[in-house]
Protein backbone atom coordinates (compact mmCIF):
# COMPACT_ATOMS: atom_id res chain seq x y z
CA UNK A 1 10.84 15.31 15.19
CA UNK A 2 9.43 12.79 12.68
CA UNK A 3 6.98 13.76 9.94
CA UNK A 4 4.35 11.52 11.54
CA UNK A 5 4.74 13.45 14.77
CA UNK A 6 4.57 16.74 12.92
CA UNK A 7 1.42 15.60 11.17
CA UNK A 8 -0.27 14.70 14.44
CA UNK A 9 0.62 18.09 15.87
CA UNK A 10 -0.54 19.70 12.66
CA UNK A 11 -3.95 18.04 12.88
CA UNK A 12 -4.42 19.14 16.49
CA UNK A 13 -3.39 22.71 15.78
CA UNK A 14 -5.31 23.11 12.53
CA UNK A 15 -8.51 21.70 13.99
CA UNK A 16 -8.40 24.43 16.63
CA UNK A 17 -7.11 27.31 14.57
CA UNK A 18 -8.36 26.46 11.10
CA UNK A 19 -4.88 26.62 9.58
CA UNK A 20 -4.79 23.31 7.70
CA UNK A 21 -3.56 24.81 4.44
CA UNK A 22 -0.99 27.10 6.08
CA UNK A 23 0.39 24.36 8.29
CA UNK A 24 0.82 21.91 5.45
CA UNK A 25 2.39 24.60 3.30
CA UNK A 26 5.11 24.95 5.93
CA UNK A 27 5.75 21.20 5.96
CA UNK A 28 5.81 21.00 2.19
CA UNK A 29 8.28 23.85 1.92
CA UNK A 30 10.55 22.23 4.48
CA UNK A 31 10.59 18.93 2.56
CA UNK A 32 11.14 20.68 -0.79
CA UNK A 33 14.27 22.25 0.58
CA UNK A 34 15.51 18.95 1.91
CA UNK A 35 14.87 16.99 -1.29
CA UNK A 36 16.25 19.67 -3.58
CA UNK A 37 19.69 19.01 -2.10
CA UNK A 38 19.64 15.39 -3.34
CA UNK A 39 17.73 15.73 -6.62
CA UNK A 40 19.61 14.24 -9.57
CA UNK A 41 16.92 14.31 -12.25
CA UNK A 42 16.83 17.51 -14.25
CA UNK A 43 15.73 16.68 -17.81
CA UNK A 44 12.33 18.04 -18.83
CA UNK A 45 11.96 15.03 -21.16
CA UNK A 46 11.57 12.69 -18.22
CA UNK A 47 13.43 9.90 -16.50
CA UNK A 48 15.36 7.74 -18.94
CA UNK A 49 17.74 4.83 -18.50
CA UNK A 50 20.04 2.92 -20.86
CA UNK A 51 18.16 0.48 -23.10
CA UNK A 52 18.04 -3.17 -22.11
CA UNK A 53 18.47 -6.16 -24.41
CA UNK A 54 15.98 -8.13 -22.34
CA UNK A 55 13.86 -7.27 -19.29
CA UNK A 56 14.50 -9.64 -16.40
CA UNK A 57 11.73 -9.37 -13.80
CA UNK A 58 11.41 -10.31 -10.15
CA UNK A 59 7.85 -10.30 -8.82
CA UNK A 60 6.87 -9.30 -5.29
CA UNK A 61 3.29 -10.38 -4.74
CA UNK A 62 1.55 -12.75 -7.18
CA UNK A 63 -2.01 -12.72 -5.92
CA UNK A 64 -4.92 -12.00 -8.28
CA UNK A 65 -3.51 -8.81 -9.82
CA UNK A 66 0.13 -9.81 -9.61
CA UNK A 67 -0.65 -13.18 -11.17
CA UNK A 68 -2.49 -11.46 -13.98
CA UNK A 69 0.66 -9.41 -14.74
CA UNK A 70 2.74 -12.60 -14.85
CA UNK A 71 0.48 -13.99 -17.53
CA UNK A 72 0.79 -10.74 -19.49
CA UNK A 73 4.56 -10.68 -19.38
CA UNK A 74 4.69 -14.32 -20.55
CA UNK A 75 3.11 -13.07 -23.79
CA UNK A 76 5.55 -10.18 -24.34
CA UNK A 77 8.83 -10.66 -26.25
CA UNK A 78 12.20 -10.22 -24.59
CA UNK A 79 10.94 -10.70 -21.04
CA UNK A 80 12.29 -13.23 -18.51
CA UNK A 81 10.62 -13.91 -15.17
CA UNK A 82 13.53 -14.94 -13.00
CA UNK A 83 12.19 -14.71 -9.45
CA UNK A 84 8.88 -14.75 -7.56
CA UNK A 85 8.42 -13.55 -3.98
CA UNK A 86 5.20 -14.15 -2.03
CA UNK A 87 4.27 -14.98 1.55
CA UNK A 88 1.91 -17.68 0.17
CA UNK A 89 4.25 -20.50 -0.82
CA UNK A 90 1.53 -22.51 -2.57
CA UNK A 91 0.56 -19.52 -4.70
CA UNK A 92 4.18 -18.77 -5.58
CA UNK A 93 4.64 -22.37 -6.75
CA UNK A 94 1.42 -22.21 -8.74
CA UNK A 95 2.46 -19.08 -10.60
CA UNK A 96 5.98 -20.45 -11.15
CA UNK A 97 4.24 -23.38 -12.82
CA UNK A 98 2.74 -20.99 -15.39
CA UNK A 99 6.25 -19.85 -16.29
CA UNK A 100 7.55 -23.37 -16.88
CA UNK A 101 4.36 -24.36 -18.71
CA UNK A 102 5.16 -21.55 -21.17
CA UNK A 103 8.45 -23.26 -21.91
CA UNK A 104 10.58 -20.87 -19.89
CA UNK A 105 13.11 -21.57 -17.09
CA UNK A 106 11.64 -21.96 -13.61
CA UNK A 107 11.90 -18.79 -11.53
CA UNK A 108 13.53 -18.90 -8.10
CA UNK A 109 11.09 -18.59 -5.20
CA UNK A 110 11.32 -16.35 -2.17
CA UNK A 111 8.71 -17.30 0.42
CA UNK A 112 10.30 -16.81 3.83
CA UNK A 113 8.01 -14.01 4.97
CA UNK A 114 7.07 -10.39 4.46
CA UNK A 115 10.61 -9.12 4.04
CA UNK A 116 11.97 -11.81 1.77
CA UNK A 117 11.93 -9.36 -1.11
CA UNK A 118 15.09 -7.93 0.38
CA UNK A 119 16.86 -11.24 -0.31
CA UNK A 120 15.48 -11.32 -3.84
CA UNK A 121 16.72 -7.76 -4.47
CA UNK A 122 20.30 -8.85 -3.64
CA UNK A 123 20.44 -10.68 -6.99
CA UNK A 124 22.32 -9.04 -9.87
CA UNK A 125 20.24 -10.64 -12.63
CA UNK A 126 17.02 -8.58 -12.12
CA UNK A 127 16.34 -5.39 -14.07
CA UNK A 128 12.83 -4.73 -12.83
CA UNK A 129 11.04 -5.50 -9.56
CA UNK A 130 7.29 -5.66 -10.12
CA UNK A 131 5.42 -4.88 -6.90
CA UNK A 132 1.80 -6.10 -6.52
CA UNK A 133 1.66 -6.39 -2.75
CA UNK A 134 -0.86 -4.99 -0.27
CA UNK A 135 -0.62 -1.20 0.04
CA UNK A 136 1.56 -1.08 3.17
CA UNK A 137 4.37 -2.86 1.33
CA UNK A 138 4.41 -0.67 -1.80
CA UNK A 139 6.99 1.82 -0.55
CA UNK A 140 9.29 -0.56 1.33
CA UNK A 141 9.60 -2.97 -1.61
CA UNK A 142 10.00 -0.18 -4.22
CA UNK A 143 12.71 1.54 -2.18
CA UNK A 144 14.58 -1.71 -1.67
CA UNK A 145 14.48 -2.41 -5.42
CA UNK A 146 15.82 1.01 -6.35
CA UNK A 147 18.63 1.14 -3.76
CA UNK A 148 19.81 -2.28 -4.99
CA UNK A 149 19.98 -1.00 -8.56
CA UNK A 150 16.66 -2.20 -10.01
CA UNK A 151 13.86 -0.33 -11.69
CA UNK A 152 10.50 -0.84 -10.07
CA UNK A 153 6.87 -0.87 -11.11
CA UNK A 154 4.15 -0.79 -8.48
CA UNK A 155 0.41 -1.35 -8.35
CA UNK A 156 -1.87 1.52 -7.32
CA UNK A 157 -1.64 3.63 -5.24
CA UNK A 158 2.12 3.91 -5.25
CA UNK A 159 1.99 5.24 -1.69
CA UNK A 160 -0.73 6.42 0.68
CA UNK A 161 1.17 8.94 2.81
CA UNK A 162 2.86 12.20 1.93
CA UNK A 163 6.07 10.93 3.40
CA UNK A 164 5.87 7.73 1.39
CA UNK A 165 5.41 9.71 -1.84
CA UNK A 166 8.47 11.81 -1.07
CA UNK A 167 10.48 8.71 -0.24
CA UNK A 168 9.75 7.24 -3.66
CA UNK A 169 10.68 10.48 -5.41
CA UNK A 170 13.88 11.00 -3.48
CA UNK A 171 14.99 7.39 -3.92
CA UNK A 172 14.32 7.41 -7.67
CA UNK A 173 16.31 10.63 -8.02
CA UNK A 174 19.23 9.40 -5.94
CA UNK A 175 19.46 6.04 -7.72
CA UNK A 176 18.44 7.17 -11.22
CA UNK A 177 15.99 4.24 -11.37
CA UNK A 178 12.45 4.22 -12.70
CA UNK A 179 9.56 4.01 -10.22
CA UNK A 180 6.44 3.52 -12.32
CA UNK A 181 2.88 3.35 -10.97
CA UNK A 182 0.87 0.85 -13.01
CA UNK A 183 -2.30 2.84 -13.54
CA UNK A 184 -4.06 0.55 -16.00
CA UNK A 185 -7.06 2.84 -16.56
CA UNK A 186 -4.82 5.23 -18.48
CA UNK A 187 -4.74 2.53 -21.17
CA UNK A 188 -8.46 1.95 -21.63
CA UNK A 189 -9.67 2.25 -25.21
CA UNK A 190 -12.10 5.07 -24.41
CA UNK A 191 -9.54 6.87 -22.23
CA UNK A 192 -6.94 6.83 -25.00
CA UNK A 193 -9.51 7.92 -27.58
CA UNK A 194 -10.38 10.94 -25.39
CA UNK A 195 -6.72 11.71 -24.81
CA UNK A 196 -6.27 11.83 -28.60
CA UNK A 197 -9.36 14.07 -28.89
CA UNK A 198 -8.00 16.47 -26.30
CA UNK A 199 -4.58 16.66 -27.91
CA UNK A 200 -6.19 17.34 -31.30
CA UNK A 201 -8.30 20.17 -29.87
CA UNK A 202 -11.70 18.58 -30.48
CA UNK A 203 -13.00 19.62 -27.03
CA UNK A 204 -11.30 23.01 -27.09
CA UNK A 205 -9.55 24.29 -23.97
CA UNK A 206 -10.12 22.01 -21.03
CA UNK A 207 -11.93 23.55 -18.06
CA UNK A 208 -13.16 20.79 -15.76
CA UNK A 209 -13.05 17.05 -15.17
CA UNK A 210 -14.95 14.57 -13.04
CA UNK A 211 -13.54 11.23 -11.96
CA UNK A 212 -14.20 8.55 -9.42
CA UNK A 213 -13.67 5.07 -8.07
CA UNK A 214 -17.20 3.82 -7.45
CA UNK A 215 -17.00 0.08 -6.89
CA UNK A 216 -19.06 -1.98 -4.44
CA UNK A 217 -16.32 -3.81 -2.52
CA UNK A 218 -18.34 -4.77 0.53
CA UNK A 219 -18.12 -8.51 -0.14
CA UNK A 220 -14.40 -8.27 -0.94
CA UNK A 221 -13.65 -6.30 2.20
CA UNK A 222 -15.29 -8.94 4.39
CA UNK A 223 -13.75 -11.86 2.49
CA UNK A 224 -11.25 -14.16 4.24
CA UNK A 225 -8.93 -14.29 1.23
CA UNK A 226 -7.13 -12.07 -1.25
CA UNK A 227 -7.80 -8.34 -0.65
CA UNK A 228 -10.14 -9.23 2.20
CA UNK A 229 -7.06 -10.08 4.27
CA UNK A 230 -5.97 -6.42 4.41
CA UNK A 231 -8.26 -3.97 2.66
CA UNK A 232 -10.88 -3.77 5.45
CA UNK A 233 -8.22 -2.54 7.88
CA UNK A 234 -7.93 0.73 5.98
CA UNK A 235 -11.64 1.38 6.43
CA UNK A 236 -11.32 1.08 10.18
CA UNK A 237 -9.03 4.04 10.79
CA UNK A 238 -8.89 6.21 7.66
CA UNK A 239 -11.45 8.64 6.23
CA UNK A 240 -10.85 10.22 2.83
CA UNK A 241 -10.29 9.20 -0.76
CA UNK A 242 -8.36 5.95 -0.23
CA UNK A 243 -8.12 4.97 -3.91
CA UNK A 244 -7.89 7.99 -6.22
CA UNK A 245 -5.75 6.80 -9.09
CA UNK A 246 -8.16 4.88 -11.36
CA UNK A 247 -10.35 7.92 -11.91
CA UNK A 248 -7.71 10.62 -11.57
CA UNK A 249 -4.97 9.05 -13.69
CA UNK A 250 -6.68 9.33 -17.08
CA UNK A 251 -8.00 12.87 -16.55
CA UNK A 252 -4.65 14.04 -15.18
CA UNK A 253 -3.10 12.66 -18.36
CA UNK A 254 -5.48 14.73 -20.47
CA UNK A 255 -4.81 17.84 -18.39
CA UNK A 256 -1.01 17.50 -18.75
CA UNK A 257 -0.51 17.39 -14.98
CA UNK A 258 3.23 17.64 -14.19
CA UNK A 259 3.73 18.60 -17.85
CA UNK A 260 2.62 22.20 -18.13
CA UNK A 261 0.15 22.20 -15.24
CA UNK A 262 0.09 20.83 -11.70
CA UNK A 263 -2.32 20.12 -8.87
CA UNK A 264 -2.54 23.15 -6.61
CA UNK A 265 -4.89 22.39 -3.70
CA UNK A 266 -7.64 20.04 -2.60
CA UNK A 267 -10.85 20.33 -0.55
CA UNK A 268 -12.43 17.10 0.66
CA UNK A 269 -15.47 15.90 2.64
CA UNK A 270 -16.96 12.51 3.47
CA UNK A 271 -20.49 11.36 4.23
CA UNK A 272 -21.48 9.26 7.23
CA UNK A 273 -20.15 5.67 7.41
CA UNK A 274 -23.13 3.29 7.10
CA UNK A 275 -22.50 0.78 4.34
CA UNK A 276 -20.06 -1.63 6.00
CA UNK A 277 -22.11 -1.99 9.19
CA UNK A 278 -25.36 -2.55 7.27
CA UNK A 279 -23.71 -5.16 5.10
CA UNK A 280 -22.09 -6.91 8.08
CA UNK A 281 -25.40 -6.98 9.94
CA UNK A 282 -27.13 -8.61 6.97
CA UNK A 283 -24.40 -11.06 5.92
CA UNK A 284 -22.07 -11.97 8.77
CA UNK A 285 -22.59 -14.41 11.61
CA UNK A 286 -24.15 -12.79 14.65
CA UNK A 287 -20.98 -13.53 16.69
CA UNK A 288 -18.66 -11.95 14.13
CA UNK A 289 -17.04 -8.96 15.81
CA UNK A 290 -16.87 -7.07 12.50
CA UNK A 291 -20.63 -6.48 12.77
CA UNK A 292 -20.06 -4.16 15.72
CA UNK A 293 -16.86 -2.38 14.63
CA UNK A 294 -16.90 1.33 14.05
CA UNK A 295 -15.64 2.19 10.56
CA UNK A 296 -13.97 5.56 10.00
CA UNK A 297 -14.31 5.59 6.19
CA UNK A 298 -17.25 7.68 5.09
CA UNK A 299 -19.31 5.87 2.47
CA UNK A 300 -18.95 8.63 -0.10
CA UNK A 301 -15.96 10.95 -0.25
CA UNK A 302 -16.06 13.95 -2.59
CA UNK A 303 -12.90 15.93 -3.25
CA UNK A 304 -12.38 19.05 -5.35
CA UNK A 305 -8.99 19.77 -6.86
CA UNK A 306 -7.85 23.00 -8.53
CA UNK A 307 -4.82 23.04 -10.79
CA UNK A 308 -2.18 25.81 -11.05
CA UNK A 309 -3.62 26.87 -14.41
CA UNK A 310 -7.17 27.10 -13.09
CA UNK A 311 -8.80 23.81 -14.11
CA UNK A 312 -11.07 22.06 -11.64
CA UNK A 313 -11.58 18.35 -10.87
CA UNK A 314 -14.31 16.62 -8.90
CA UNK A 315 -13.06 13.30 -7.57
CA UNK A 316 -15.20 10.74 -5.71
CA UNK A 317 -14.60 7.50 -3.81
CA UNK A 318 -17.32 5.00 -2.83
CA UNK A 319 -16.61 1.34 -2.13
CA UNK A 320 -19.28 0.62 0.51
CA UNK A 321 -22.71 1.33 -1.02
CA UNK A 322 -24.78 -0.64 -3.56
CA UNK A 323 -24.03 1.19 -6.80
CA UNK A 324 -23.06 0.09 -10.32
CA UNK A 325 -19.36 0.47 -11.13
CA UNK A 326 -18.26 3.86 -12.47
CA UNK A 327 -15.18 6.02 -12.84
CA UNK A 328 -17.38 8.90 -14.24
CA UNK A 329 -14.53 9.94 -16.62
CA UNK A 330 -15.91 13.34 -17.68
CA UNK A 331 -13.93 16.04 -19.45
CA UNK A 332 -15.46 19.45 -20.21
CA UNK A 333 -13.86 21.81 -22.68
CA UNK A 334 -14.82 25.11 -24.32
CA UNK A 335 -16.03 23.25 -27.43
CA UNK A 336 -17.58 20.11 -26.03
CA UNK A 337 -17.77 17.43 -23.39
CA UNK A 338 -17.13 13.74 -23.05
CA UNK A 339 -18.80 11.58 -20.40
CA UNK A 340 -18.23 7.97 -19.51
CA UNK A 341 -20.50 5.25 -18.06
CA UNK A 342 -21.92 5.04 -20.67
CA UNK A 343 -19.51 6.67 -23.12
CA UNK A 344 -21.02 9.63 -24.95
CA UNK A 345 -19.80 12.90 -26.42
CA UNK A 346 -21.15 16.31 -27.34
CA UNK A 347 -19.22 18.61 -29.70
CA UNK A 348 -20.54 22.06 -30.48
CA UNK A 349 -21.42 22.29 -34.12
CA UNK A 350 -21.62 18.51 -34.58
CA UNK A 351 -24.50 17.71 -32.23
CA UNK A 352 -28.03 19.08 -32.44
CA UNK A 353 -29.77 20.51 -29.40
CA UNK A 354 -28.96 18.90 -26.10
CA UNK A 355 -28.33 15.37 -27.35
CA UNK A 356 -25.18 13.36 -26.88
CA UNK A 357 -23.60 11.30 -29.67
CA UNK A 358 -22.20 7.80 -29.29
CA UNK A 359 -18.41 7.61 -28.96
CA UNK A 360 -18.53 4.77 -31.49
CA UNK A 361 -19.13 7.36 -34.23
CA UNK A 362 -15.68 8.85 -33.45
CA UNK A 363 -13.67 5.64 -33.22
CA UNK A 364 -12.44 5.60 -36.85
CA UNK A 365 -10.97 9.12 -36.45
CA UNK A 366 -9.72 8.91 -32.86
CA UNK A 367 -8.95 5.30 -31.98
CA UNK A 368 -5.47 5.24 -30.48
CA UNK A 369 -2.63 3.56 -32.41
CA UNK A 370 -1.80 1.43 -29.37
CA UNK A 371 -5.20 -0.24 -29.53
CA UNK A 372 -5.03 -0.53 -33.31
CA UNK A 373 -1.67 -2.33 -33.19
CA UNK A 374 -1.95 -4.34 -29.95
CA UNK A 375 -5.67 -4.64 -29.30
CA UNK A 376 -5.76 -8.25 -30.52
CA UNK A 377 -2.85 -9.23 -28.29
CA UNK A 378 -4.62 -7.61 -25.34
CA UNK A 379 -7.79 -9.68 -25.75
CA UNK A 380 -8.49 -11.75 -22.66
CA UNK A 381 -6.08 -9.83 -20.43
CA UNK A 382 -7.22 -8.20 -17.23
CA UNK A 383 -9.65 -5.24 -17.12
CA UNK A 384 -10.62 -5.49 -20.78
CA UNK A 385 -7.04 -5.65 -22.07
CA UNK A 386 -5.71 -2.48 -20.49
CA UNK A 387 -3.50 -4.45 -18.10
CA UNK A 388 -1.67 -6.02 -21.03
CA UNK A 389 -1.17 -2.69 -22.77
CA UNK A 390 0.35 -1.03 -19.70
CA UNK A 391 2.73 -3.97 -19.29
CA UNK A 392 3.63 -3.84 -22.98
CA UNK A 393 4.40 -0.12 -22.81
CA UNK A 394 6.55 -0.60 -19.71
CA UNK A 395 8.65 -3.24 -21.45
CA UNK A 396 9.04 -1.18 -24.65
CA UNK A 397 10.25 1.86 -22.63
CA UNK A 398 12.86 -0.27 -20.90
CA UNK A 399 14.00 -1.97 -24.10
CA UNK A 400 14.38 1.33 -25.97
CA UNK A 401 15.58 3.58 -23.12
CA UNK A 402 12.63 5.96 -23.43
CA UNK A 403 10.75 7.88 -20.73
CA UNK A 404 7.88 6.08 -19.09
CA UNK A 405 4.28 7.10 -19.78
CA UNK A 406 3.90 7.78 -16.03
CA UNK A 407 7.06 8.41 -13.99
CA UNK A 408 7.74 8.75 -10.28
CA UNK A 409 6.51 12.39 -10.16
CA UNK A 410 3.19 11.36 -11.65
CA UNK A 411 2.96 8.40 -9.26
CA UNK A 412 3.52 10.74 -6.29
CA UNK A 413 1.22 13.55 -7.45
CA UNK A 414 -1.74 11.24 -7.98
CA UNK A 415 -1.18 8.98 -5.00
CA UNK A 416 -0.70 11.84 -2.49
CA UNK A 417 -4.39 12.70 -2.90
CA UNK A 418 -5.06 9.97 -0.33
CA UNK A 419 -3.49 11.65 2.70
CA UNK A 420 -4.26 15.18 1.57
CA UNK A 421 -7.95 14.22 1.43
CA UNK A 422 -7.74 12.66 4.92
CA UNK A 423 -6.23 15.87 6.27
CA UNK A 424 -8.93 18.03 4.67
CA UNK A 425 -11.75 15.79 5.94
CA UNK A 426 -10.31 15.89 9.45
CA UNK A 427 -10.23 19.69 9.35
CA UNK A 428 -13.82 20.48 8.25
CA UNK A 429 -12.93 20.39 4.54
CA UNK A 430 -10.38 23.17 4.64
CA UNK A 431 -8.08 23.45 1.59
CA UNK A 432 -4.77 21.62 1.62
CA UNK A 433 -1.95 22.36 -0.76
CA UNK A 434 -0.31 19.70 -2.90
CA UNK A 435 3.43 19.22 -2.44
CA UNK A 436 5.30 20.01 -5.66
CA UNK A 437 7.31 16.85 -6.19
CA UNK A 438 8.88 18.27 -9.38
CA UNK A 439 10.05 21.42 -7.53
CA UNK A 440 8.76 23.70 -10.26
CA UNK A 441 9.89 21.60 -13.22
CA UNK A 442 6.28 20.83 -14.13
CA UNK A 443 6.34 24.09 -16.09
CA UNK A 444 8.92 22.75 -18.55
CA UNK A 445 8.42 19.00 -18.58
CA UNK A 446 7.26 17.61 -21.93
CA UNK A 447 3.90 15.97 -22.58
CA UNK A 448 3.79 12.21 -22.13
CA UNK A 449 4.49 10.17 -25.26
CA UNK A 450 1.24 8.24 -24.92
CA UNK A 451 -0.72 11.28 -26.04
CA UNK A 452 1.40 12.00 -29.11
CA UNK A 453 -1.01 10.20 -31.39
CA UNK A 454 -2.97 13.09 -32.85
């Protein structure tokens, strides 16, 4: 019986009996036993691979985000863009023109359809396949890259099903190839400052975090181009936290998730779905069928996560109501608290009364070395420069044979929130256990190198 079938049976049974957590525990244990037999990665230091003299990249998907990464890599030493795969031939040619305009050899193009990345992966002159496709193609393209001997980097989320997360982990272990989720928000200037503060003990022992992806995407979802071609489909049939990684990635980094602690279980609930229908009624032609569709995605999803060591996380998702952008980005410790949007900090003994201080007053002491050394090079790059910095770190890890800042276990642990939240929502917010993709090794794995800047 397939996992999809098991999951359907699980949802029916748990809705009736209230056994969501117990049922999923059984499935997780079964998969742990299966994957343990094929696991090849054992080092607590993290995945490593022999250093490369140059990084030769093949791109799958060069839309807005993928194209932005191409521009970043053109500005990083020892990188060659040798192939571009996209279903949009005109766009592939346009991006290839950027490569030649930079004085580099023209990349080969693969534009024969959705699966043409398989033909690209047959080449033996690609070290890294960079995957910036729509979500449904993240796992297939990453798996194809790894089984053909390439490392892979993938946009967020790395996968949106439990089974997909396990497939990435298993394939990375079998092939000894990197599978890196490109969570750019881990490289924001404020996020790295706070990581340094946490590692130095400024906030004391961490207790709680709050994170989110609050981004009004109504116009994008109803667009007839770019993400509008596929993102609205997910709102039709899915209800949960569909995009957890931007908020959760940075706080998980501070909490040493998979490196001394791990996500334990999640509880999730969603509000009514109103935003998309209201927007469609006000902005779409009266004959547009999307005005009358029923959308499954609740406007506001709130999830609570508890870690093995007893920390708590509040995680929200809202892409369908009129709200200013926010990832919340709050960390509470025994000595103080940091809050984002706007950035502010309170440290016991340094602040008077109940007044926050500006994070700017801490920049001299806690600005991360990555921003000090590469901040100028990152100017003008996507999302305030963080996109460039994540690409730069990826290349440096490959050139020097060092562990990635975020490896396949991190990609799976953060991405799996999507389906776990859907299961909890469908079962009246009952708790659902996280699979342990490390199979207990989270207790011994070392802290990520990005935080070693204290």
